[in-house]
């Protein structure tokens, strides 16, 4: 694999975590890392940005003055259990950012992760990424927001430690993030998307 970047170019196929972090500091674009490989991240379209803005604003309002804070896709998350470095669209962290031991600018232990699906990332976010995220011991909810149709899939850990799915498919539904005591109407989430 060859990773190309305006400022830096690697032509080897496997990288250490240290090499990835050094590469990422000099890069103009964001990249994910998994088990020695570096992957360029896809850009976001206008609808993705509208959905992000709607969700992030409402989550921020509802978490104001609480010990949990939302962060956008500039916050890198490290899954120590499987070496994934990634930039979720929205991360919610309880009690403040805990930095990774390998990089002070990378967080660990999110409580909620939200990905906004696009045509190019849908399969990876739904299958591969969810499998990797499930290894985060602090994670209580993983949420997938469709950008091509009205729909949210919310995976939550139940009392037995198993993941359960709840789906929201109508503008009349009220989407919830129970671990954060958040409720948002689907109409507000999809406002301005023309869906």
C-alpha atoms as a PDB file:
ATOM      1  CA  UNK A   1       0.000   0.000   0.000  1.00  0.00           C
ATOM      2  CA  UNK A   2       1.192   3.507  -0.713  1.00  0.00           C
ATOM      3  CA  UNK A   3      -0.102   6.432   1.311  1.00  0.00           C
ATOM      4  CA  UNK A   4       0.125   9.793  -0.422  1.00  0.00           C
ATOM      5  CA  UNK A   5       0.067  13.148   1.291  1.00  0.00           C
ATOM      6  CA  UNK A   6       1.107  16.617   0.111  1.00  0.00           C
ATOM      7  CA  UNK A   7       3.815  16.944   2.778  1.00  0.00           C
ATOM      8  CA  UNK A   8       4.818  13.346   3.409  1.00  0.00           C
ATOM      9  CA  UNK A   9       5.007  10.138   1.459  1.00  0.00           C
ATOM     10  CA  UNK A  10       5.439   6.603   2.713  1.00  0.00           C
ATOM     11  CA  UNK A  11       5.962   3.711   0.337  1.00  0.00           C
ATOM     12  CA  UNK A  12       6.148   0.835   2.810  1.00  0.00           C
ATOM     13  CA  UNK A  13       3.231  -1.442   3.552  1.00  0.00           C
ATOM     14  CA  UNK A  14       3.407  -1.678   7.363  1.00  0.00           C
ATOM     15  CA  UNK A  15       3.843   1.082   9.916  1.00  0.00           C
ATOM     16  CA  UNK A  16       4.405   1.207  13.646  1.00  0.00           C
ATOM     17  CA  UNK A  17       2.042   3.244  15.806  1.00  0.00           C
ATOM     18  CA  UNK A  18       4.856   5.761  16.323  1.00  0.00           C
ATOM     19  CA  UNK A  19       5.355   6.113  12.548  1.00  0.00           C
ATOM     20  CA  UNK A  20       1.608   6.620  12.056  1.00  0.00           C
ATOM     21  CA  UNK A  21       1.413   9.313  14.744  1.00  0.00           C
ATOM     22  CA  UNK A  22       4.408  11.145  13.279  1.00  0.00           C
ATOM     23  CA  UNK A  23       2.876  10.873   9.805  1.00  0.00           C
ATOM     24  CA  UNK A  24      -0.456  12.204  11.066  1.00  0.00           C
ATOM     25  CA  UNK A  25       1.125  15.234  12.752  1.00  0.00           C
ATOM     26  CA  UNK A  26       2.600  16.344   9.412  1.00  0.00           C
ATOM     27  CA  UNK A  27      -0.378  15.423   7.251  1.00  0.00           C
ATOM     28  CA  UNK A  28      -2.896  17.911   5.862  1.00  0.00           C
ATOM     29  CA  UNK A  29      -5.559  15.173   5.820  1.00  0.00           C
ATOM     30  CA  UNK A  30      -6.793  12.709   8.428  1.00  0.00           C
ATOM     31  CA  UNK A  31      -5.930   9.023   8.310  1.00  0.00           C
ATOM     32  CA  UNK A  32      -7.034   5.995  10.277  1.00  0.00           C
ATOM     33  CA  UNK A  33      -4.631   3.319  11.460  1.00  0.00           C
ATOM     34  CA  UNK A  34      -5.289  -0.367  12.051  1.00  0.00           C
ATOM     35  CA  UNK A  35      -2.790  -3.156  12.655  1.00  0.00           C
ATOM     36  CA  UNK A  36       0.052  -1.511  10.793  1.00  0.00           C
ATOM     37  CA  UNK A  37      -1.901  -0.044   7.886  1.00  0.00           C
ATOM     38  CA  UNK A  38      -2.790   3.598   7.246  1.00  0.00           C
ATOM     39  CA  UNK A  39      -6.026   4.551   5.490  1.00  0.00           C
ATOM     40  CA  UNK A  40      -7.003   7.971   4.113  1.00  0.00           C
ATOM     41  CA  UNK A  41     -10.390   9.159   5.338  1.00  0.00           C
ATOM     42  CA  UNK A  42     -13.141  10.119   2.910  1.00  0.00           C
ATOM     43  CA  UNK A  43     -14.382  13.704   2.780  1.00  0.00           C
ATOM     44  CA  UNK A  44     -17.892  14.696   3.866  1.00  0.00           C
ATOM     45  CA  UNK A  45     -20.644  16.044   1.618  1.00  0.00           C
ATOM     46  CA  UNK A  46     -23.086  18.865   2.418  1.00  0.00           C
ATOM     47  CA  UNK A  47     -25.825  16.616   3.833  1.00  0.00           C
ATOM     48  CA  UNK A  48     -23.312  14.898   6.122  1.00  0.00           C
ATOM     49  CA  UNK A  49     -22.282  18.321   7.444  1.00  0.00           C
ATOM     50  CA  UNK A  50     -25.903  19.391   8.027  1.00  0.00           C
ATOM     51  CA  UNK A  51     -26.599  16.196   9.988  1.00  0.00           C
ATOM     52  CA  UNK A  52     -23.419  16.667  12.014  1.00  0.00           C
ATOM     53  CA  UNK A  53     -24.284  20.281  12.804  1.00  0.00           C
ATOM     54  CA  UNK A  54     -27.862  19.447  13.858  1.00  0.00           C
ATOM     55  CA  UNK A  55     -26.807  16.539  16.077  1.00  0.00           C
ATOM     56  CA  UNK A  56     -23.735  18.151  17.597  1.00  0.00           C
ATOM     57  CA  UNK A  57     -25.597  21.366  18.455  1.00  0.00           C
ATOM     58  CA  UNK A  58     -28.496  19.580  20.136  1.00  0.00           C
ATOM     59  CA  UNK A  59     -26.238  17.154  22.018  1.00  0.00           C
ATOM     60  CA  UNK A  60     -24.094  20.067  23.215  1.00  0.00           C
ATOM     61  CA  UNK A  61     -27.149  21.958  24.475  1.00  0.00           C
ATOM     62  CA  UNK A  62     -28.509  18.935  26.336  1.00  0.00           C
ATOM     63  CA  UNK A  63     -25.139  18.120  27.936  1.00  0.00           C
ATOM     64  CA  UNK A  64     -24.457  21.679  29.057  1.00  0.00           C
ATOM     65  CA  UNK A  65     -23.420  21.783  32.735  1.00  0.00           C
ATOM     66  CA  UNK A  66     -23.127  17.965  32.817  1.00  0.00           C
ATOM     67  CA  UNK A  67     -19.891  15.980  33.267  1.00  0.00           C
ATOM     68  CA  UNK A  68     -20.144  14.619  29.694  1.00  0.00           C
ATOM     69  CA  UNK A  69     -19.007  16.515  26.597  1.00  0.00           C
ATOM     70  CA  UNK A  70     -19.384  15.942  22.850  1.00  0.00           C
ATOM     71  CA  UNK A  71     -16.411  16.203  20.503  1.00  0.00           C
ATOM     72  CA  UNK A  72     -16.299  16.395  16.709  1.00  0.00           C
ATOM     73  CA  UNK A  73     -14.205  14.492  14.219  1.00  0.00           C
ATOM     74  CA  UNK A  74     -11.010  16.360  15.097  1.00  0.00           C
ATOM     75  CA  UNK A  75     -10.711  14.245  18.247  1.00  0.00           C
ATOM     76  CA  UNK A  76      -8.746  11.089  17.490  1.00  0.00           C
ATOM     77  CA  UNK A  77      -9.809   7.970  19.401  1.00  0.00           C
ATOM     78  CA  UNK A  78      -7.493   5.035  20.086  1.00  0.00           C
ATOM     79  CA  UNK A  79      -8.895   1.561  20.714  1.00  0.00           C
ATOM     80  CA  UNK A  80      -6.045   0.032  22.679  1.00  0.00           C
ATOM     81  CA  UNK A  81      -7.497  -3.473  22.464  1.00  0.00           C
ATOM     82  CA  UNK A  82      -7.057  -3.727  18.661  1.00  0.00           C
ATOM     83  CA  UNK A  83      -4.755  -0.783  17.624  1.00  0.00           C
ATOM     84  CA  UNK A  84      -7.461   1.219  15.794  1.00  0.00           C
ATOM     85  CA  UNK A  85      -6.849   4.970  15.614  1.00  0.00           C
ATOM     86  CA  UNK A  86      -9.922   6.698  14.207  1.00  0.00           C
ATOM     87  CA  UNK A  87     -11.842   9.970  14.043  1.00  0.00           C
ATOM     88  CA  UNK A  88     -15.540   9.304  14.808  1.00  0.00           C
ATOM     89  CA  UNK A  89     -17.961  11.971  13.591  1.00  0.00           C
ATOM     90  CA  UNK A  90     -19.087  12.571  17.185  1.00  0.00           C
ATOM     91  CA  UNK A  91     -17.655  11.180  20.423  1.00  0.00           C
ATOM     92  CA  UNK A  92     -19.242  11.726  23.817  1.00  0.00           C
ATOM     93  CA  UNK A  93     -16.885  11.331  26.743  1.00  0.00           C
ATOM     94  CA  UNK A  94     -17.912  11.152  30.386  1.00  0.00           C
ATOM     95  CA  UNK A  95     -15.771  12.882  32.988  1.00  0.00           C
ATOM     96  CA  UNK A  96     -13.209  14.489  30.688  1.00  0.00           C
ATOM     97  CA  UNK A  97     -10.775  13.265  28.073  1.00  0.00           C
ATOM     98  CA  UNK A  98      -8.459  10.469  29.148  1.00  0.00           C
ATOM     99  CA  UNK A  99      -5.361  10.657  26.933  1.00  0.00           C
ATOM    100  CA  UNK A 100      -3.805   7.550  25.461  1.00  0.00           C
ATOM    101  CA  UNK A 101      -0.473   6.404  26.879  1.00  0.00           C
ATOM    102  CA  UNK A 102       0.987   6.420  23.367  1.00  0.00           C
ATOM    103  CA  UNK A 103      -0.123   9.960  22.424  1.00  0.00           C
ATOM    104  CA  UNK A 104      -1.358  12.796  24.633  1.00  0.00           C
ATOM    105  CA  UNK A 105      -3.518  14.207  21.805  1.00  0.00           C
ATOM    106  CA  UNK A 106      -5.436  10.939  21.334  1.00  0.00           C
ATOM    107  CA  UNK A 107      -8.353  10.034  23.596  1.00  0.00           C
ATOM    108  CA  UNK A 108      -9.470   6.681  24.929  1.00  0.00           C
ATOM    109  CA  UNK A 109     -12.612   5.523  26.775  1.00  0.00           C
ATOM    110  CA  UNK A 110     -15.529   7.235  24.984  1.00  0.00           C
ATOM    111  CA  UNK A 111     -19.050   6.426  26.223  1.00  0.00           C
ATOM    112  CA  UNK A 112     -20.916   7.096  22.954  1.00  0.00           C
ATOM    113  CA  UNK A 113     -19.665   7.058  19.354  1.00  0.00           C
ATOM    114  CA  UNK A 114     -21.698   8.393  16.417  1.00  0.00           C
ATOM    115  CA  UNK A 115     -20.917   7.836  12.743  1.00  0.00           C
ATOM    116  CA  UNK A 116     -22.812   9.529   9.913  1.00  0.00           C
ATOM    117  CA  UNK A 117     -23.066   7.036   7.073  1.00  0.00           C
ATOM    118  CA  UNK A 118     -22.181   7.902   3.509  1.00  0.00           C
ATOM    119  CA  UNK A 119     -22.211   5.743   0.409  1.00  0.00           C
ATOM    120  CA  UNK A 120     -18.433   5.251   0.559  1.00  0.00           C
ATOM    121  CA  UNK A 121     -18.188   4.448   4.304  1.00  0.00           C
ATOM    122  CA  UNK A 122     -21.504   2.652   4.990  1.00  0.00           C
ATOM    123  CA  UNK A 123     -20.280  -0.958   4.878  1.00  0.00           C
ATOM    124  CA  UNK A 124     -17.123  -0.262   6.903  1.00  0.00           C
ATOM    125  CA  UNK A 125     -18.977   1.771   9.562  1.00  0.00           C
ATOM    126  CA  UNK A 126     -21.781  -0.787   9.931  1.00  0.00           C
ATOM    127  CA  UNK A 127     -19.649  -3.914  10.044  1.00  0.00           C
ATOM    128  CA  UNK A 128     -15.897  -3.496  10.440  1.00  0.00           C
ATOM    129  CA  UNK A 129     -15.816  -0.393  12.573  1.00  0.00           C
ATOM    130  CA  UNK A 130     -18.627  -1.533  14.858  1.00  0.00           C
ATOM    131  CA  UNK A 131     -16.800  -4.799  15.513  1.00  0.00           C
ATOM    132  CA  UNK A 132     -13.663  -2.843  16.477  1.00  0.00           C
ATOM    133  CA  UNK A 133     -15.555  -0.294  18.582  1.00  0.00           C
ATOM    134  CA  UNK A 134     -17.221  -3.049  20.631  1.00  0.00           C
ATOM    135  CA  UNK A 135     -13.846  -3.771  22.238  1.00  0.00           C
ATOM    136  CA  UNK A 136     -13.833  -0.354  23.972  1.00  0.00           C
ATOM    137  CA  UNK A 137     -14.660  -1.188  27.625  1.00  0.00           C
ATOM    138  CA  UNK A 138     -16.312   2.185  28.335  1.00  0.00           C
ATOM    139  CA  UNK A 139     -18.547   2.216  25.225  1.00  0.00           C
ATOM    140  CA  UNK A 140     -22.289   2.089  25.985  1.00  0.00           C
ATOM    141  CA  UNK A 141     -23.789   3.196  22.661  1.00  0.00           C
ATOM    142  CA  UNK A 142     -22.789   3.145  18.995  1.00  0.00           C
ATOM    143  CA  UNK A 143     -25.022   5.166  16.677  1.00  0.00           C
ATOM    144  CA  UNK A 144     -25.221   5.140  12.878  1.00  0.00           C
ATOM    145  CA  UNK A 145     -27.005   8.052  11.199  1.00  0.00           C
ATOM    146  CA  UNK A 146     -28.050   7.528   7.570  1.00  0.00           C
ATOM    147  CA  UNK A 147     -27.339  10.450   5.249  1.00  0.00           C
ATOM    148  CA  UNK A 148     -29.190   8.998   2.244  1.00  0.00           C
ATOM    149  CA  UNK A 149     -32.532   8.203   3.895  1.00  0.00           C
ATOM    150  CA  UNK A 150     -34.290   8.934   7.180  1.00  0.00           C
ATOM    151  CA  UNK A 151     -32.924   6.379   9.576  1.00  0.00           C
ATOM    152  CA  UNK A 152     -30.803   5.873  12.671  1.00  0.00           C
ATOM    153  CA  UNK A 153     -29.517   2.585  14.055  1.00  0.00           C
ATOM    154  CA  UNK A 154     -28.642   2.772  17.747  1.00  0.00           C
ATOM    155  CA  UNK A 155     -26.695  -0.131  19.250  1.00  0.00           C
ATOM    156  CA  UNK A 156     -26.683  -0.236  23.035  1.00  0.00           C
ATOM    157  CA  UNK A 157     -25.176  -2.519  25.663  1.00  0.00           C
ATOM    158  CA  UNK A 158     -27.929  -4.119  27.747  1.00  0.00           C
ATOM    159  CA  UNK A 159     -27.696  -5.181  31.391  1.00  0.00           C
ATOM    160  CA  UNK A 160     -26.302  -8.587  30.371  1.00  0.00           C
ATOM    161  CA  UNK A 161     -23.481  -6.948  28.402  1.00  0.00           C
ATOM    162  CA  UNK A 162     -24.970  -7.789  24.988  1.00  0.00           C
ATOM    163  CA  UNK A 163     -25.480  -5.288  22.172  1.00  0.00           C
ATOM    164  CA  UNK A 164     -29.086  -4.565  21.191  1.00  0.00           C
ATOM    165  CA  UNK A 165     -30.346  -2.583  18.191  1.00  0.00           C
ATOM    166  CA  UNK A 166     -33.047   0.092  18.221  1.00  0.00           C
ATOM    167  CA  UNK A 167     -34.046   1.697  14.918  1.00  0.00           C
ATOM    168  CA  UNK A 168     -35.594   5.086  14.188  1.00  0.00           C
ATOM    169  CA  UNK A 169     -37.164   5.370  10.729  1.00  0.00           C
ATOM    170  CA  UNK A 170     -39.651   8.242  10.831  1.00  0.00           C
ATOM    171  CA  UNK A 171     -39.490  12.011  11.226  1.00  0.00           C
ATOM    172  CA  UNK A 172     -42.098  11.560  13.967  1.00  0.00           C
ATOM    173  CA  UNK A 173     -39.756   9.403  16.084  1.00  0.00           C
ATOM    174  CA  UNK A 174     -37.858  10.722  19.094  1.00  0.00           C
ATOM    175  CA  UNK A 175     -34.255   9.538  18.999  1.00  0.00           C
ATOM    176  CA  UNK A 176     -32.690   8.879  22.398  1.00  0.00           C
ATOM    177  CA  UNK A 177     -29.221   8.396  23.844  1.00  0.00           C
ATOM    178  CA  UNK A 178     -30.206   6.825  27.189  1.00  0.00           C
ATOM    179  CA  UNK A 179     -26.690   6.747  28.651  1.00  0.00           C
ATOM    180  CA  UNK A 180     -26.645  10.553  28.362  1.00  0.00           C
ATOM    181  CA  UNK A 181     -30.382  11.207  29.043  1.00  0.00           C
ATOM    182  CA  UNK A 182     -30.660  12.847  25.596  1.00  0.00           C
ATOM    183  CA  UNK A 183     -33.821  13.002  23.463  1.00  0.00           C
ATOM    184  CA  UNK A 184     -33.912  14.646  20.014  1.00  0.00           C
ATOM    185  CA  UNK A 185     -36.709  14.605  17.464  1.00  0.00           C
ATOM    186  CA  UNK A 186     -35.801  13.017  14.155  1.00  0.00           C
ATOM    187  CA  UNK A 187     -37.302  16.086  12.498  1.00  0.00           C
ATOM    188  CA  UNK A 188     -34.644  18.274  14.181  1.00  0.00           C
ATOM    189  CA  UNK A 189     -31.842  15.880  13.235  1.00  0.00           C
ATOM    190  CA  UNK A 190     -32.857  15.815   9.549  1.00  0.00           C
ATOM    191  CA  UNK A 191     -33.806  19.494   9.327  1.00  0.00           C
ATOM    192  CA  UNK A 192     -32.253  21.060   6.237  1.00  0.00           C
ATOM    193  CA  UNK A 193     -31.253  17.747   4.606  1.00  0.00           C
ATOM    194  CA  UNK A 194     -34.164  17.731   2.100  1.00  0.00           C
ATOM    195  CA  UNK A 195     -34.885  14.095   2.974  1.00  0.00           C
END
